[in-house]
Protein backbone atom coordinates (compact mmCIF):
# COMPACT_ATOMS: atom_id res chain seq x y z
CA UNK A 1 44.49 44.61 38.71
CA UNK A 2 42.48 47.67 40.30
CA UNK A 3 38.72 47.66 41.53
CA UNK A 4 36.59 50.63 41.83
CA UNK A 5 33.33 50.98 42.63
CA UNK A 6 30.81 53.98 42.17
CA UNK A 7 27.42 55.28 43.23
CA UNK A 8 25.06 58.26 42.16
CA UNK A 9 21.61 59.04 42.39
CA UNK A 10 19.48 62.07 40.91
CA UNK A 11 16.22 63.25 41.51
CA UNK A 12 13.51 63.10 38.17
CA UNK A 13 12.19 66.52 37.30
CA UNK A 14 10.41 67.59 34.30
CA UNK A 15 11.40 69.18 31.13
CA UNK A 16 14.25 67.55 30.45
CA UNK A 17 15.54 64.63 28.38
CA UNK A 18 16.05 61.38 30.17
CA UNK A 19 19.55 59.81 29.42
CA UNK A 20 20.92 56.66 30.94
CA UNK A 21 24.04 54.58 29.74
CA UNK A 22 24.30 57.94 26.83
CA UNK A 23 20.84 56.55 25.82
CA UNK A 24 18.14 58.23 25.42
CA UNK A 25 14.84 56.98 26.76
CA UNK A 26 11.44 58.16 26.21
CA UNK A 27 9.82 59.31 29.61
CA UNK A 28 8.06 62.66 30.85
CA UNK A 29 10.70 63.85 33.07
CA UNK A 30 14.47 63.97 32.84
CA UNK A 31 17.52 63.47 35.74
CA UNK A 32 18.30 66.74 37.67
CA UNK A 33 22.48 67.81 37.82
CA UNK A 34 25.00 70.29 36.86
CA UNK A 35 25.72 67.81 33.61
CA UNK A 36 23.06 65.98 31.33
CA UNK A 37 22.62 63.71 34.72
CA UNK A 38 22.96 60.49 33.66
CA UNK A 39 23.43 58.57 36.76
CA UNK A 40 24.84 55.46 34.75
CA UNK A 41 27.95 57.48 33.20
CA UNK A 42 28.32 58.85 36.00
CA UNK A 43 29.04 55.79 38.06
CA UNK A 44 30.97 54.53 35.36
CA UNK A 45 33.24 57.62 35.52
CA UNK A 46 33.31 57.96 39.25
CA UNK A 47 34.25 53.72 39.75
CA UNK A 48 37.52 54.11 37.15
CA UNK A 49 38.07 57.06 38.91
CA UNK A 50 38.06 55.08 42.43
CA UNK A 51 40.42 52.17 41.06
CA UNK A 52 42.66 55.06 40.12
CA UNK A 53 42.62 56.15 43.42
CA UNK A 54 41.97 59.65 41.77
CA UNK A 55 38.97 60.70 43.96
CA UNK A 56 35.45 61.30 42.37
CA UNK A 57 33.56 63.08 39.93
CA UNK A 58 32.70 66.09 41.78
CA UNK A 59 36.99 66.44 42.31
CA UNK A 60 37.09 66.25 38.24
CA UNK A 61 34.11 68.17 38.21
CA UNK A 62 32.78 70.30 40.42
CA UNK A 63 29.10 71.57 40.28
CA UNK A 64 30.42 75.14 40.56
CA UNK A 65 31.94 75.14 37.62
CA UNK A 66 28.98 76.99 35.40
CA UNK A 67 31.38 75.98 31.85
CA UNK A 68 30.58 72.74 33.04
CA UNK A 69 26.13 73.07 33.09
CA UNK A 70 25.11 70.66 30.93
CA UNK A 71 27.85 68.61 30.30
CA UNK A 72 27.63 65.41 27.95
CA UNK A 73 28.53 63.04 30.80
CA UNK A 74 29.81 60.62 27.96
CA UNK A 75 32.95 63.34 28.23
CA UNK A 76 32.91 62.34 32.12
CA UNK A 77 33.60 59.03 30.91
CA UNK A 78 35.99 60.16 28.28
CA UNK A 79 37.98 61.91 30.67
CA UNK A 80 38.43 58.81 33.15
CA UNK A 81 39.23 56.56 30.12
CA UNK A 82 41.91 59.12 29.16
CA UNK A 83 43.57 58.67 32.57
CA UNK A 84 42.88 55.22 32.64
CA UNK A 85 44.85 55.09 29.61
CA UNK A 86 47.84 57.20 31.07
CA UNK A 87 47.84 54.92 33.68
CA UNK A 88 48.28 51.78 31.98
CA UNK A 89 45.23 50.15 32.46
CA UNK A 90 41.97 48.95 30.55
CA UNK A 91 38.50 47.59 31.17
CA UNK A 92 38.57 44.44 32.62
CA UNK A 93 34.88 44.30 33.10
CA UNK A 94 32.44 46.69 34.49
CA UNK A 95 28.78 45.45 36.23
CA UNK A 96 26.45 48.21 36.63
CA UNK A 97 22.60 48.30 38.02
CA UNK A 98 19.91 50.90 37.68
CA UNK A 99 17.74 51.20 39.70
CA UNK A 100 14.47 52.77 38.82
CA UNK A 101 10.38 52.43 39.34
CA UNK A 102 9.66 54.09 36.00
CA UNK A 103 10.27 54.21 33.10
CA UNK A 104 10.28 50.42 32.16
CA UNK A 105 14.26 49.98 31.57
CA UNK A 106 14.63 46.64 30.33
CA UNK A 107 14.01 47.19 26.76
CA UNK A 108 17.32 49.66 26.73
CA UNK A 109 19.63 47.11 28.66
CA UNK A 110 21.72 46.15 25.49
CA UNK A 111 21.76 49.62 23.62
CA UNK A 112 23.36 50.88 27.13
CA UNK A 113 25.91 48.69 27.40
CA UNK A 114 26.75 48.58 24.00
CA UNK A 115 27.05 52.69 24.21
CA UNK A 116 29.35 51.86 27.30
CA UNK A 117 31.76 49.85 25.39
CA UNK A 118 32.09 52.06 22.63
CA UNK A 119 32.34 54.68 25.04
CA UNK A 120 35.08 52.61 26.83
CA UNK A 121 36.88 50.90 24.25
CA UNK A 122 36.64 47.92 24.82
CA UNK A 123 34.03 44.91 23.56
CA UNK A 124 30.44 44.44 24.59
CA UNK A 125 30.96 41.47 26.49
CA UNK A 126 33.18 43.05 29.20
CA UNK A 127 30.08 45.55 30.36
CA UNK A 128 27.00 44.23 32.13
CA UNK A 129 24.35 46.70 32.74
CA UNK A 130 21.34 45.06 35.12
CA UNK A 131 17.87 46.93 35.72
CA UNK A 132 15.83 46.95 39.32
CA UNK A 133 13.21 48.52 40.84
CA UNK A 134 12.89 49.27 44.48
CA UNK A 135 8.98 47.46 44.55
CA UNK A 136 7.55 51.52 44.98
CA UNK A 137 9.70 51.45 48.42
CA UNK A 138 10.85 54.95 49.33
CA UNK A 139 11.99 57.95 47.00
CA UNK A 140 12.92 55.78 43.75
CA UNK A 141 9.87 53.31 44.31
CA UNK A 142 7.41 57.10 44.39
CA UNK A 143 9.38 57.64 41.19
CA UNK A 144 11.28 60.70 42.59
CA UNK A 145 14.56 59.65 41.21
CA UNK A 146 16.64 57.18 39.77
CA UNK A 147 20.21 55.45 40.95
CA UNK A 148 22.54 53.91 40.09
CA UNK A 149 25.50 51.72 41.27
CA UNK A 150 28.56 49.82 39.62
CA UNK A 151 31.79 48.36 39.73
CA UNK A 152 34.72 48.28 37.63
CA UNK A 153 38.03 45.96 37.60
CA UNK A 154 41.04 47.37 35.76
CA UNK A 155 43.83 44.86 33.97
CA UNK A 156 47.09 46.38 33.83
CA UNK A 157 48.16 46.62 30.08
CA UNK A 158 51.85 45.78 30.88
CA UNK A 159 53.11 43.97 34.37
CA UNK A 160 53.80 47.01 36.26
CA UNK A 161 51.79 50.15 35.17
CA UNK A 162 52.85 52.29 37.98
C-alpha cells in the first residue's frame, strides 16, 4: 500500500467558468490557473503522484509550459492514473475536502464524487468528497479563493508491484 496527500488553492477571478471535480458549478467567478484551475482534480492527481513518490503537479505539468495553458484537469488525473497503473497500483480509497465560502457546493458533491470515480476507473464508493467553509475567516472566507486537500490510499494489483 502507498499513501499520498495533496493540497491546492487558487484565487477566484471573474470571466472564468468554475470547475470542481470536473463538474461545472454555476458561479460568477472561476478559478485562476495555468490549467482550468480545478483544485479538486489537482489534489487527486498530486495525491497519486505523492503516493508513487513522483513529486508534485508542477514537476509533471510546469506552469512555464505554454502548451499546457487552459489544460483540462481531467488530463492531469489521467496522467497520474496511467503512471499508477504502470507501477501496478489501483485506488484503495480517496478522501478529499473542498474549502469554499461560496458558492454552496453540497448540491454538487455526488456529481463530483461520481466524476472522480469515472476518471480513476473505480467504484464511486472508494471516493469521498466533503465540502466545508471557513465561516468567513481568511481569504477563502472573504470569497477570494477555493482550496482543496485530500489523501489517497493506493493498493498493489499484485503482491510485489515494483
